[in-house]
C-alpha atoms as a PDB file:
ATOM      1  CA  ILE A   1      14.903  -3.736  25.189  1.00  0.00           C
ATOM      2  CA  ASN A   2      18.528  -4.815  25.199  1.00  0.00           C
ATOM      3  CA  SER A   3      18.688  -5.310  28.965  1.00  0.00           C
ATOM      4  CA  PRO A   4      18.782  -8.836  30.427  1.00  0.00           C
ATOM      5  CA  ASN A   5      15.267  -8.397  31.809  1.00  0.00           C
ATOM      6  CA  VAL A   6      12.810  -5.796  30.482  1.00  0.00           C
ATOM      7  CA  ASN A   7      10.489  -4.040  32.910  1.00  0.00           C
ATOM      8  CA  LEU A   8       7.158  -3.936  31.067  1.00  0.00           C
ATOM      9  CA  ARG A   9       5.832  -1.048  33.132  1.00  0.00           C
ATOM     10  CA  ASP A  10       8.837   1.060  32.103  1.00  0.00           C
ATOM     11  CA  LEU A  11       8.547  -0.069  28.488  1.00  0.00           C
ATOM     12  CA  ARG A  12       4.861   0.885  28.378  1.00  0.00           C
ATOM     13  CA  ARG A  13       5.633   4.294  29.835  1.00  0.00           C
ATOM     14  CA  LEU A  14       8.530   4.927  27.454  1.00  0.00           C
ATOM     15  CA  SER A  15       6.521   3.683  24.464  1.00  0.00           C
ATOM     16  CA  TRP A  16       3.525   5.891  25.085  1.00  0.00           C
ATOM     17  CA  HIS A  17       4.639   8.627  22.690  1.00  0.00           C
ATOM     18  CA  GLY A  18       6.073   6.293  20.065  1.00  0.00           C
ATOM     19  CA  ILE A  19       8.780   3.734  19.602  1.00  0.00           C
ATOM     20  CA  PRO A  20      11.809   4.334  17.368  1.00  0.00           C
ATOM     21  CA  ASP A  21      11.748   2.172  14.226  1.00  0.00           C
ATOM     22  CA  LYS A  22      14.797   0.126  15.186  1.00  0.00           C
ATOM     23  CA  PHE A  23      13.125  -0.976  18.457  1.00  0.00           C
ATOM     24  CA  ARG A  24       9.495  -1.191  17.327  1.00  0.00           C
ATOM     25  CA  ALA A  25       9.255  -4.896  16.436  1.00  0.00           C
ATOM     26  CA  ASP A  26      10.948  -6.037  19.639  1.00  0.00           C
ATOM     27  CA  ALA A  27       8.959  -3.600  21.753  1.00  0.00           C
ATOM     28  CA  TRP A  28       5.628  -4.798  20.374  1.00  0.00           C
ATOM     29  CA  GLN A  29       6.589  -8.441  20.814  1.00  0.00           C
ATOM     30  CA  LEU A  30       7.373  -7.709  24.454  1.00  0.00           C
ATOM     31  CA  LEU A  31       4.307  -5.553  25.075  1.00  0.00           C
ATOM     32  CA  LEU A  32       1.971  -8.155  23.574  1.00  0.00           C
ATOM     33  CA  GLY A  33       3.536 -11.008  25.541  1.00  0.00           C
ATOM     34  CA  TYR A  34       4.729 -12.750  22.388  1.00  0.00           C
ATOM     35  CA  VAL A  35       8.232 -13.087  23.840  1.00  0.00           C
ATOM     36  CA  PRO A  36       9.385 -13.245  27.460  1.00  0.00           C
ATOM     37  CA  THR A  37      10.884 -10.237  29.175  1.00  0.00           C
ATOM     38  CA  LYS A  38      14.015 -12.212  29.992  1.00  0.00           C
ATOM     39  CA  ALA A  39      16.450 -11.733  27.087  1.00  0.00           C
ATOM     40  CA  SER A  40      18.059 -15.156  27.434  1.00  0.00           C
ATOM     41  CA  ARG A  41      14.695 -16.834  26.675  1.00  0.00           C
ATOM     42  CA  ARG A  42      13.598 -14.730  23.683  1.00  0.00           C
ATOM     43  CA  THR A  43      15.460 -16.516  20.890  1.00  0.00           C
ATOM     44  CA  GLU A  44      14.050 -19.887  21.888  1.00  0.00           C
ATOM     45  CA  ALA A  45      10.557 -18.437  22.344  1.00  0.00           C
ATOM     46  CA  ARG A  46      10.642 -16.927  18.848  1.00  0.00           C
ATOM     47  CA  ARG A  47      11.848 -20.215  17.391  1.00  0.00           C
ATOM     48  CA  LYS A  48       8.971 -22.085  19.042  1.00  0.00           C
ATOM     49  CA  LYS A  49       6.379 -19.527  17.893  1.00  0.00           C
ATOM     50  CA  ARG A  50       7.640 -19.691  14.310  1.00  0.00           C
ATOM     51  CA  ASN A  51       7.486 -23.490  14.354  1.00  0.00           C
ATOM     52  CA  GLU A  52       3.927 -23.341  15.713  1.00  0.00           C
ATOM     53  CA  TYR A  53       3.007 -20.947  12.918  1.00  0.00           C
ATOM     54  CA  ARG A  54       4.507 -23.216  10.239  1.00  0.00           C
ATOM     55  CA  LYS A  55       2.643 -26.210  11.650  1.00  0.00           C
ATOM     56  CA  ALA A  56      -0.626 -24.262  11.653  1.00  0.00           C
ATOM     57  CA  LEU A  57      -0.089 -23.279   8.024  1.00  0.00           C
ATOM     58  CA  GLU A  58       0.590 -26.886   7.064  1.00  0.00           C
ATOM     59  CA  GLN A  59      -2.406 -28.135   8.987  1.00  0.00           C
ATOM     60  CA  HIS A  60      -4.930 -25.600   7.752  1.00  0.00           C
ATOM     61  CA  PHE A  61      -3.743 -24.457   4.350  1.00  0.00           C
ATOM     62  CA  TYR A  62      -1.427 -27.028   2.825  1.00  0.00           C
ATOM     63  CA  SER A  63      -3.141 -30.249   3.843  1.00  0.00           C
ATOM     64  CA  GLY A  64      -6.177 -29.769   1.622  1.00  0.00           C
ATOM     65  CA  VAL A  65      -8.418 -28.950   4.580  1.00  0.00           C
ATOM     66  CA  VAL A  66      -9.147 -25.450   3.304  1.00  0.00           C
ATOM     67  CA  HIS A  67     -10.249 -25.039  -0.296  1.00  0.00           C
ATOM     68  CA  PRO A  68      -9.064 -21.787  -1.924  1.00  0.00           C
ATOM     69  CA  SER A  69     -12.682 -20.671  -2.373  1.00  0.00           C
ATOM     70  CA  ASP A  70     -13.225 -21.024   1.376  1.00  0.00           C
ATOM     71  CA  ILE A  71     -10.867 -18.120   2.007  1.00  0.00           C
ATOM     72  CA  GLY A  72     -11.863 -15.985  -0.955  1.00  0.00           C
ATOM     73  CA  LEU A  73      -8.932 -16.833  -3.210  1.00  0.00           C
ATOM     74  CA  LEU A  74     -11.145 -18.451  -5.821  1.00  0.00           C
ATOM     75  CA  ASP A  75     -14.825 -17.991  -6.478  1.00  0.00           C
ATOM     76  CA  ASP A  76     -16.077 -21.134  -8.220  1.00  0.00           C
ATOM     77  CA  ALA A  77     -19.114 -19.360  -9.682  1.00  0.00           C
ATOM     78  CA  THR A  78     -17.097 -16.669 -11.436  1.00  0.00           C
ATOM     79  CA  SER A  79     -13.739 -18.293 -12.083  1.00  0.00           C
ATOM     80  CA  ALA A  80     -12.534 -18.365 -15.647  1.00  0.00           C
ATOM     81  CA  SER A  81     -11.734 -21.645 -17.310  1.00  0.00           C
ATOM     82  CA  ASP A  82      -9.177 -22.103 -20.077  1.00  0.00           C
ATOM     83  CA  ASP A  83     -12.052 -22.113 -22.615  1.00  0.00           C
ATOM     84  CA  ASP A  84     -13.192 -18.653 -21.470  1.00  0.00           C
ATOM     85  CA  LEU A  85      -9.774 -17.121 -22.156  1.00  0.00           C
ATOM     86  CA  GLY A  86      -9.672 -17.369 -25.811  1.00  0.00           C
END
């Protein structure tokens, strides 16, 4: 995982019986293709992925496109109003 270029075949083979905790996150990112195998490109790839994630959150959750009840956070039929509380 710390080598300049990770061989995915070797990583899969070595990971078969488990991955030590300190390497698990990086190993899974590599195995799933989330980050490139070339170490010099990983930091930039992670930065881009995190920016894409933030933009998706803004677009779908913070722009008013999704109402809380649409994702199960609030059920309009059973939600309590201030009058119901006391």
